[in-house]
Protein backbone atom coordinates (compact mmCIF):
# COMPACT_ATOMS: atom_id res chain seq x y z
CA MET A 1 0.10 0.04 -0.01
CA SER A 2 1.24 3.40 -0.88
CA ALA A 3 1.93 6.09 1.61
CA ARG A 4 -1.02 8.00 0.23
CA GLY A 5 -3.38 5.00 0.50
CA LEU A 6 -2.23 4.28 4.01
CA ARG A 7 -2.95 8.01 5.05
CA SER A 8 -6.37 7.68 3.60
CA SER A 9 -7.07 4.47 5.40
CA VAL A 10 -5.98 5.99 8.63
CA LEU A 11 -8.32 9.01 8.21
CA TRP A 12 -11.08 6.56 7.34
CA LEU A 13 -10.49 4.55 10.41
CA SER A 14 -10.23 7.62 12.58
CA SER A 15 -13.62 8.85 11.43
CA ALA A 16 -15.06 5.41 12.10
CA ALA A 17 -13.66 5.40 15.54
CA LEU A 18 -15.03 8.83 16.33
CA ALA A 19 -18.50 7.65 15.08
CA TRP A 20 -18.25 4.56 17.24
CA GLY A 21 -17.04 6.55 20.20
CA ALA A 22 -20.07 8.95 20.01
CA GLY A 23 -22.35 6.03 20.82
CA CYS A 24 -20.02 3.79 23.12
CA GLY A 25 -21.75 5.06 26.10
CA GLN A 26 -24.80 3.42 24.99
CA LEU A 27 -23.10 0.16 24.14
CA LEU A 28 -21.46 0.26 27.65
CA GLY A 29 -24.59 1.11 29.36
CA LEU A 30 -23.23 4.48 30.60
CA GLU A 31 -25.21 7.85 30.71
CA GLU A 32 -24.24 10.24 28.02
CA THR A 33 -23.44 13.66 28.97
CA SER A 34 -22.92 17.05 27.00
CA LEU A 35 -20.91 19.93 27.72
CA ALA A 36 -23.07 22.72 29.07
CA PRO A 37 -22.36 26.34 27.79
CA PRO A 38 -20.41 28.42 30.16
CA ASP A 39 -22.29 30.51 32.72
CA PRO A 40 -22.07 34.20 31.43
CA LEU A 41 -22.38 35.21 35.28
CA VAL A 42 -19.76 32.78 36.70
CA CYS A 43 -17.71 35.76 38.05
CA ALA A 44 -20.68 37.12 39.97
CA GLU A 45 -19.98 37.64 43.65
CA ALA A 46 -23.63 38.03 44.45
CA LEU A 47 -27.08 37.46 42.64
CA VAL A 48 -30.08 39.73 42.62
CA PRO A 49 -32.92 37.63 44.13
CA SER A 50 -35.89 36.82 41.83
CA THR A 51 -37.96 38.80 44.28
CA LEU A 52 -35.87 42.03 43.43
CA GLU A 53 -35.03 42.65 47.04
CA PRO A 54 -31.94 44.94 47.56
CA THR A 55 -28.63 43.16 47.29
CA PRO A 56 -26.07 44.03 49.87
CA VAL A 57 -22.79 45.68 48.65
CA ASN A 58 -19.39 45.82 50.44
CA THR A 59 -16.48 46.68 48.46
CA GLU A 60 -14.05 47.05 51.29
CA ALA A 61 -12.36 43.72 51.15
CA LEU A 62 -12.64 42.94 47.26
CA ALA A 63 -10.45 43.37 44.41
CA ASP A 64 -10.31 45.81 41.36
CA ASP A 65 -11.50 43.50 38.58
CA TYR A 66 -13.32 46.07 36.38
CA THR A 67 -12.71 49.60 35.19
CA PRO A 68 -15.99 51.20 34.08
CA SER A 69 -15.81 53.92 31.40
CA CYS A 70 -17.25 56.53 33.95
CA GLY A 71 -15.04 55.33 36.88
CA ALA A 72 -11.17 55.10 37.37
CA ALA A 73 -8.71 52.38 37.54
CA GLY A 74 -7.72 51.16 41.17
CA ALA A 75 -11.24 51.26 42.68
CA LEU A 76 -12.39 48.13 44.44
CA ASP A 77 -15.53 46.65 42.98
CA GLN A 78 -18.33 44.15 43.47
CA ALA A 79 -20.00 42.15 40.59
CA ILE A 80 -23.60 41.25 40.91
CA GLY A 81 -25.53 39.02 38.54
CA PHE A 82 -29.12 39.74 37.45
CA THR A 83 -31.61 37.67 35.32
CA ALA A 84 -34.73 39.58 34.14
CA PRO A 85 -37.75 37.74 35.22
CA VAL A 86 -40.00 39.33 32.51
CA THR A 87 -39.34 41.71 29.57
CA ASP A 88 -39.36 45.23 30.78
CA TYR A 89 -37.27 48.34 31.65
CA TYR A 90 -35.26 47.97 34.83
CA VAL A 91 -33.89 50.68 37.09
CA PHE A 92 -30.51 49.80 38.79
CA ASP A 93 -29.40 52.10 41.52
CA THR A 94 -27.20 52.42 44.56
CA PHE A 95 -29.16 55.11 46.53
CA GLY A 96 -28.67 55.12 50.19
CA SER A 97 -25.39 53.61 50.01
CA GLY A 98 -22.76 54.80 52.52
CA PHE A 99 -20.09 55.76 49.84
CA ASP A 100 -19.74 57.58 46.56
CA THR A 101 -20.52 54.92 43.93
CA VAL A 102 -19.95 54.12 40.34
CA LEU A 103 -22.34 51.68 38.70
CA ALA A 104 -21.72 49.99 35.35
CA LEU A 105 -23.73 47.27 33.52
CA TYR A 106 -22.21 44.65 31.34
CA ASP A 107 -23.76 41.92 29.20
CA GLN A 108 -21.64 39.15 30.71
CA CYS A 109 -18.37 38.52 32.68
CA GLY A 110 -15.53 40.27 30.79
CA GLY A 111 -18.18 41.39 28.19
CA ALA A 112 -19.23 44.60 26.58
CA GLU A 113 -20.21 47.45 28.83
CA LEU A 114 -23.94 48.43 28.09
CA ALA A 115 -24.10 51.46 30.43
CA CYS A 116 -22.28 53.45 33.16
CA ASN A 117 -23.22 56.19 35.62
CA ASN A 118 -21.28 58.09 38.28
CA ASN A 119 -23.66 60.49 39.88
CA ALA A 120 -27.44 60.47 39.44
CA GLY A 121 -28.18 64.28 39.26
CA MET A 122 -26.54 65.75 42.32
CA GLN A 123 -26.30 62.68 44.22
CA PRO A 124 -23.06 60.77 44.86
CA GLN A 125 -24.91 57.51 44.14
CA SER A 126 -25.64 56.10 40.71
CA GLU A 127 -28.63 54.96 38.56
CA LEU A 128 -29.10 53.11 35.28
CA VAL A 129 -32.19 52.27 33.31
CA ARG A 130 -32.07 49.34 30.73
CA LYS A 131 -34.49 47.29 28.84
CA LEU A 132 -33.99 43.43 29.27
CA ARG A 133 -35.84 40.61 27.60
CA GLU A 134 -37.33 37.78 29.82
CA GLY A 135 -34.40 35.56 30.91
CA GLU A 136 -31.75 37.79 29.62
CA ARG A 137 -28.86 38.21 32.04
CA ALA A 138 -26.62 41.09 32.86
CA LEU A 139 -23.77 41.83 35.32
CA ALA A 140 -23.96 45.02 37.40
CA VAL A 141 -20.62 46.28 38.85
CA VAL A 142 -20.51 48.66 41.78
CA GLU A 143 -17.24 50.44 42.70
CA GLY A 144 -16.26 53.50 44.65
CA ASN A 145 -15.69 56.87 42.92
CA ALA A 146 -12.01 58.18 43.14
CA GLY A 147 -11.06 55.13 45.22
CA ASP A 148 -13.86 55.38 47.80
CA THR A 149 -15.05 52.13 49.42
CA GLY A 150 -17.95 51.18 51.66
CA THR A 151 -21.14 49.31 52.16
CA GLY A 152 -24.47 49.82 50.63
CA ALA A 153 -27.03 48.12 48.34
CA LEU A 154 -27.83 47.47 44.81
CA ARG A 155 -31.66 47.98 44.06
CA VAL A 156 -33.28 46.62 40.89
CA SER A 157 -36.89 47.62 40.11
CA ARG A 158 -39.20 47.58 37.07
CA VAL A 159 -40.23 50.81 35.68
CA THR A 160 -43.88 51.40 36.46
CA CYS A 161 -44.54 54.54 34.24
CA PRO A 162 -45.06 54.09 31.34
CA ASP A 163 -46.61 50.55 31.75
CA ALA A 164 -47.25 50.00 28.07
CA ASP A 165 -45.02 49.62 24.97
CA LEU A 166 -45.36 50.75 21.39
CA GLU A 167 -42.18 48.89 20.26
CA ASP A 168 -42.76 46.45 17.16
CA ARG A 169 -46.15 48.12 16.48
CA THR A 170 -47.56 48.94 13.10
CA PHE A 171 -48.67 52.57 12.81
CA PRO A 172 -51.05 54.17 13.16
CA VAL A 173 -52.26 52.27 16.16
CA SER A 174 -55.80 52.90 17.76
CA LEU A 175 -55.73 53.37 21.69
CA ASN A 176 -57.81 54.83 24.47
CA THR A 177 -57.23 57.03 27.60
CA ALA A 178 -60.72 56.32 29.15
CA SER A 179 -60.39 54.47 32.52
CA PHE A 180 -56.71 54.86 32.88
CA GLY A 181 -56.72 57.88 35.40
CA ASP A 182 -55.09 61.24 35.47
CA ASP A 183 -51.42 60.58 35.98
CA HIS A 184 -49.88 63.49 33.87
CA GLY A 185 -50.37 67.19 33.29
CA GLY A 186 -47.88 68.67 30.81
CA ALA A 187 -46.96 72.10 29.82
CA CYS A 188 -49.41 71.86 26.97
CA GLY A 189 -52.41 70.97 28.92
CA GLY A 190 -54.36 67.90 30.14
CA ALA A 191 -54.62 68.49 33.93
CA GLY A 192 -57.72 66.82 35.21
CA GLN A 193 -58.10 64.52 32.32
CA GLU A 194 -57.40 60.91 31.84
CA ASP A 195 -54.30 60.06 29.90
CA ARG A 196 -51.76 57.18 28.84
CA ALA A 197 -48.14 56.88 28.42
CA TYR A 198 -46.01 54.60 26.29
CA HIS A 199 -42.45 53.56 25.47
CA TRP A 200 -40.98 53.65 22.13
CA VAL A 201 -37.31 53.16 20.59
CA ALA A 202 -36.02 54.63 17.55
CA PRO A 203 -35.06 51.81 15.10
CA ARG A 204 -32.29 53.92 13.44
CA ASP A 205 -30.99 57.53 13.40
CA GLY A 206 -33.72 59.87 12.03
CA LEU A 207 -36.03 62.81 12.41
CA TYR A 208 -39.43 61.30 13.89
CA ALA A 209 -42.85 62.93 14.04
CA PHE A 210 -45.06 61.74 16.90
CA ARG A 211 -48.56 62.46 16.07
CA VAL A 212 -51.89 61.96 18.03
CA ASP A 213 -55.51 62.20 16.43
CA SER A 214 -58.78 62.02 18.10
CA ARG A 215 -62.33 62.50 17.00
CA THR A 216 -63.61 62.41 20.63
CA PHE A 217 -61.31 64.95 22.48
CA THR A 218 -58.75 67.64 21.74
CA PRO A 219 -55.55 66.03 22.31
CA THR A 220 -52.07 66.89 23.59
CA ILE A 221 -48.84 64.94 23.21
CA SER A 222 -45.70 65.25 25.14
CA VAL A 223 -42.37 63.49 24.20
CA VAL A 224 -40.05 62.73 27.18
CA SER A 225 -36.43 61.81 26.95
CA GLY A 226 -35.77 58.24 28.14
CA PRO A 227 -38.10 55.38 29.09
CA ARG A 228 -39.58 56.89 32.19
CA CYS A 229 -42.28 59.33 32.67
CA SER A 230 -40.25 61.45 35.10
CA ALA A 231 -37.45 62.28 32.77
CA SER A 232 -37.14 65.59 31.11
CA GLN A 233 -39.51 66.73 28.37
CA LEU A 234 -38.22 67.22 24.81
CA GLY A 235 -41.40 69.01 23.69
CA CYS A 236 -45.13 69.02 23.60
CA ASN A 237 -47.91 70.28 21.54
CA ALA A 238 -51.80 70.65 21.74
CA ALA A 239 -54.47 70.72 19.08
CA ALA A 240 -56.46 73.95 18.83
CA GLY A 241 -59.19 75.72 16.87
CA GLY A 242 -61.25 72.84 16.10
CA VAL A 243 -58.35 70.82 14.67
CA ARG A 244 -58.18 67.42 16.28
CA HIS A 245 -54.45 66.34 15.95
CA ALA A 246 -51.17 67.28 17.76
CA GLU A 247 -47.55 66.45 16.92
CA VAL A 248 -43.91 66.73 18.21
CA VAL A 249 -41.03 66.20 16.04
CA ARG A 250 -37.49 65.45 17.14
CA ARG A 251 -34.34 63.87 15.75
CA LEU A 252 -33.35 60.55 17.63
CA LYS A 253 -30.50 58.11 17.51
CA ALA A 254 -30.79 54.45 16.79
CA GLY A 255 -31.83 52.66 19.95
CA GLU A 256 -32.82 55.93 21.76
CA PRO A 257 -35.91 55.43 23.91
CA VAL A 258 -38.59 58.12 24.55
CA THR A 259 -41.86 58.23 26.51
CA LEU A 260 -45.11 59.38 24.76
CA GLN A 261 -47.70 60.97 26.97
CA VAL A 262 -51.09 61.49 25.47
CA ASP A 263 -53.61 63.49 27.23
CA GLY A 264 -56.63 65.70 26.45
CA VAL A 265 -57.62 69.28 26.76
CA ASP A 266 -61.32 68.67 27.04
CA GLY A 267 -61.89 64.92 27.66
CA ALA A 268 -60.64 61.35 27.08
CA GLY A 269 -61.48 58.42 24.81
CA GLU A 270 -60.34 56.85 21.68
CA PHE A 271 -57.20 58.16 19.81
CA ALA A 272 -54.71 57.15 17.08
CA VAL A 273 -50.90 57.53 17.44
CA ASN A 274 -48.76 57.58 14.34
CA ILE A 275 -44.93 57.67 14.57
CA SER A 276 -43.28 58.28 11.17
CA GLU A 277 -39.79 59.19 9.86
CA ARG A 278 -39.32 62.45 8.08
CA THR A 279 -36.67 63.26 5.29
CA ALA A 280 -36.75 66.90 5.72
CA ALA A 281 -33.60 69.05 6.57
CA CYS A 282 -33.54 70.26 10.16
CA PRO A 283 -32.29 72.74 10.81
CA GLU A 284 -32.77 74.24 7.24
CA ALA A 285 -30.22 77.12 7.54
CA THR A 286 -27.73 78.82 9.84
CA ILE A 287 -28.01 82.09 11.76
CA ASP A 288 -25.06 84.28 13.06
CA VAL A 289 -24.70 87.54 14.76
CA ASP A 290 -25.79 89.38 11.40
CA GLY A 291 -29.21 87.79 11.77
CA VAL A 292 -31.54 87.26 8.79
CA THR A 293 -33.56 89.82 6.81
CA ASN A 294 -36.83 89.33 4.75
CA ASP A 295 -36.69 85.52 5.01
CA GLN A 296 -39.78 83.29 4.21
CA LEU A 297 -41.21 80.24 6.02
CA THR A 298 -41.13 76.96 4.41
CA PRO A 299 -43.33 73.65 4.73
CA ARG A 300 -43.55 72.73 8.42
CA VAL A 301 -41.00 70.36 9.98
CA LEU A 302 -41.21 71.02 13.71
CA ALA A 303 -43.98 71.92 16.20
CA PRO A 304 -44.03 74.47 19.01
CA SER A 305 -45.37 74.00 22.54
CA CYS A 306 -47.14 77.34 22.48
CA GLY A 307 -48.93 76.98 19.14
CA PRO A 308 -50.84 74.47 16.98
CA VAL A 309 -49.46 72.72 13.83
CA GLU A 310 -52.73 73.22 11.83
CA VAL A 311 -55.36 75.76 11.85
CA THR A 312 -58.78 76.53 10.27
CA GLY A 313 -58.65 79.76 8.32
CA GLY A 314 -58.17 81.46 5.03
CA VAL A 315 -60.78 82.57 2.48
CA SER A 316 -61.96 78.94 1.92
CA GLY A 317 -62.21 78.11 5.64
CA SER A 318 -60.14 74.94 5.11
CA GLN A 319 -57.65 73.34 7.42
CA PHE A 320 -53.98 74.46 6.78
CA GLU A 321 -50.66 73.17 8.18
CA LEU A 322 -48.77 76.12 9.46
CA ARG A 323 -45.22 76.76 8.01
CA ASP A 324 -41.91 77.17 9.94
CA LYS A 325 -38.22 77.65 9.42
CA SER A 326 -35.34 76.32 11.73
CA TYR A 327 -31.84 77.76 12.03
CA ALA A 328 -28.70 76.42 13.62
CA PHE A 329 -26.96 78.75 16.03
CA LYS A 330 -23.50 78.47 17.76
CA MET A 331 -22.00 80.40 20.52
CA ALA A 332 -18.28 80.04 21.49
CA GLY A 333 -17.53 79.38 25.19
CA VAL A 334 -16.53 82.11 27.53
CA GLU A 335 -13.69 82.22 30.06
CA ARG A 336 -14.16 81.46 33.69
CA GLY A 337 -15.77 84.36 35.53
CA CYS A 338 -17.43 85.73 32.43
CA ALA A 339 -20.94 85.58 31.02
CA ALA A 340 -22.50 86.01 27.62
CA SER A 341 -25.88 85.77 25.98
CA CYS A 342 -27.36 86.51 22.60
CA GLU A 343 -30.92 87.94 21.98
CA PHE A 344 -32.91 87.13 18.96
CA GLU A 345 -35.65 89.69 18.03
CA LEU A 346 -38.27 88.57 15.45
CA THR A 347 -40.10 91.23 13.46
CA ALA A 348 -42.93 90.44 11.07
CA ALA A 349 -46.11 91.94 9.70
CA GLU A 350 -48.16 89.21 11.35
CA PRO A 351 -48.12 87.23 14.48
CA MET A 352 -45.53 84.42 14.54
CA TYR A 353 -43.96 82.08 17.19
CA LEU A 354 -40.42 82.16 18.02
CA TYR A 355 -38.80 79.15 20.03
CA VAL A 356 -35.55 77.65 20.88
CA LEU A 357 -34.36 74.06 21.16
CA GLU A 358 -31.08 72.93 22.90
CA GLY A 359 -28.54 71.75 20.29
CA ASP A 360 -28.27 72.51 16.66
CA ASP A 361 -29.76 69.16 15.46
CA CYS A 362 -33.46 69.44 16.10
CA ALA A 363 -32.92 66.79 18.85
CA GLY A 364 -33.03 68.78 22.04
CA ALA A 365 -35.52 69.97 24.55
CA GLU A 366 -37.58 73.20 23.97
CA ARG A 367 -36.38 75.89 26.29
CA SER A 368 -38.61 78.85 25.30
CA CYS A 369 -41.70 79.50 23.10
CA LYS A 370 -43.44 82.87 22.51
CA LEU A 371 -45.95 84.41 20.22
CA SER A 372 -45.12 87.91 18.98
CA THR A 373 -47.30 90.87 19.97
CA GLN A 374 -48.28 93.98 18.07
CA VAL A 375 -45.84 96.91 18.52
CA GLY A 376 -47.07 99.81 16.15
CA SER A 377 -47.61 98.37 12.74
CA VAL A 378 -45.47 95.11 13.24
CA TYR A 379 -45.37 92.14 15.49
CA LYS A 380 -42.35 91.49 17.72
CA THR A 381 -41.02 89.05 20.19
CA SER A 382 -37.61 87.86 21.49
CA ALA A 383 -35.61 84.78 22.81
CA THR A 384 -32.42 84.82 24.66
CA VAL A 385 -29.69 81.92 24.76
CA SER A 386 -26.58 82.02 27.00
CA ALA A 387 -23.09 80.82 26.52
CA ALA A 388 -21.33 78.11 28.60
CA GLU A 389 -17.93 78.36 30.28
CA LEU A 390 -15.01 77.00 28.14
CA ARG A 391 -17.21 75.11 25.70
CA GLU A 392 -19.20 75.93 22.73
CA THR A 393 -23.06 75.88 22.93
CA ARG A 394 -25.46 75.05 20.24
CA HIS A 395 -29.09 76.02 19.66
CA THR A 396 -31.87 75.58 17.13
CA ILE A 397 -33.89 78.86 16.61
CA VAL A 398 -37.32 78.25 14.99
CA VAL A 399 -39.81 80.80 13.53
CA ALA A 400 -43.30 79.41 12.96
CA ASP A 401 -46.52 80.78 11.70
CA SER A 402 -49.61 81.30 13.89
CA SER A 403 -52.23 81.96 11.25
CA THR A 404 -52.61 81.63 7.62
CA VAL A 405 -54.28 83.07 4.48
CA ASP A 406 -54.57 79.97 2.35
CA GLY A 407 -51.37 78.63 3.42
CA GLN A 408 -49.16 81.73 2.59
CA ALA A 409 -47.25 83.51 5.34
CA GLY A 410 -45.41 86.93 4.87
CA PRO A 411 -41.69 87.66 5.33
CA TYR A 412 -39.97 88.29 8.55
CA SER A 413 -36.67 89.38 9.94
CA ILE A 414 -34.35 88.24 12.91
CA GLY A 415 -31.98 90.54 14.47
CA VAL A 416 -29.21 89.26 16.78
CA GLN A 417 -27.49 91.19 19.51
CA CYS A 418 -24.95 89.49 21.76
CA PHE A 419 -23.69 90.79 25.16
CA GLY A 420 -20.90 89.74 27.57
CA ILE A 421 -19.31 90.55 30.93
CA CYS A 422 -16.41 89.49 32.80
CA LEU A 423 -15.97 89.98 36.69
CA THR A 424 -12.62 90.86 38.02
CA GLU A 425 -11.30 91.26 41.43
CA THR A 426 -10.01 94.73 42.68
CA PRO A 427 -6.79 94.89 44.66
CA GLY A 428 -8.60 96.36 47.71
CA GLY A 429 -11.57 94.16 48.45
CA GLY A 430 -12.05 91.66 45.78
CA LYS A 431 -15.31 93.04 44.42
CA PRO A 432 -16.25 92.73 40.84
CA ARG A 433 -15.87 95.68 38.63
């Protein structure tokens, strides 16, 4: 037999031997076993109980095994495993602990960091919110900030507001506020009326319109940043003048969660929610210290909190969508001890809204919204933005129509004036001058 033939025979015999070995346990009367997948939480030093009771934390006698992105190397930490009992948003926090904490969430031992928090607001403890599917596992790591150590507890709880989810739904979807109680009362109205709140997550980066329609009541809608009702509001809008729909538009990142709160100005009942992606540019132009002169509104993209998105008017008495135009504005940072602000003055031949969003990408929270008032033969209003220390700040300035004559709005101008002041110490008493 040639060397090549021998090699082939050996390979054949090896394959046969493997096949025989796979069933040899049955031939010998032995119980077959299979290798179990490794436990993704094998490194956990404690586990959150299924009852979601607080898990004790004590980092004083532990090692530094993790370096969360919002912490620092050298801090002692404790790893705690968690398995989601149901699909929901969960709050992880260290409130009440006796030391300054850093909290991070990983998908498994030695895995990818899902989120990290150092201080929750002004508190030295930490908080994270994360959606987990039923049976999904995660590793929470608690360590001290700046090397701090101590004892405390990790608490895990389900988000209770909103208690409903619009993910994976086909829009528009019909819903109802009746019999759900009065839990919210946003800046756009709804106090004393029944309401509902829902989670939703952006499937990709985009500009999204959140619209609510109702034939039974005058609706309002609020869009809140994040998956909890208690987070900061991005914007709200109310229907008016016999029109039965309201809308908020904001740019979101892929995977970014928001909370929708639907309320009524004058009642409760059936309504429809529609979430759609828009392809319009936002902002549409830029504005600087020279302002703009005799500009024109364009087809509507955004929606203000202090005015509707559609009105009944014009010669024909039909319903018209109001028009708007958005501008990006940037301010350079100021030195420490200094302050600066810029004022935008809107002038037009008819009433218009002027409002400001944080950031220059149509994604931020609305910070002011005003309707111009008559001054002589024109209508005027203004808005002010402030600079931050040592860093650039960005804003979106929006002009919107308030009434229409068959959909046509007249020209307007925006003047910009910026002011700054720095405080210095005098040699005698340290007072500003």
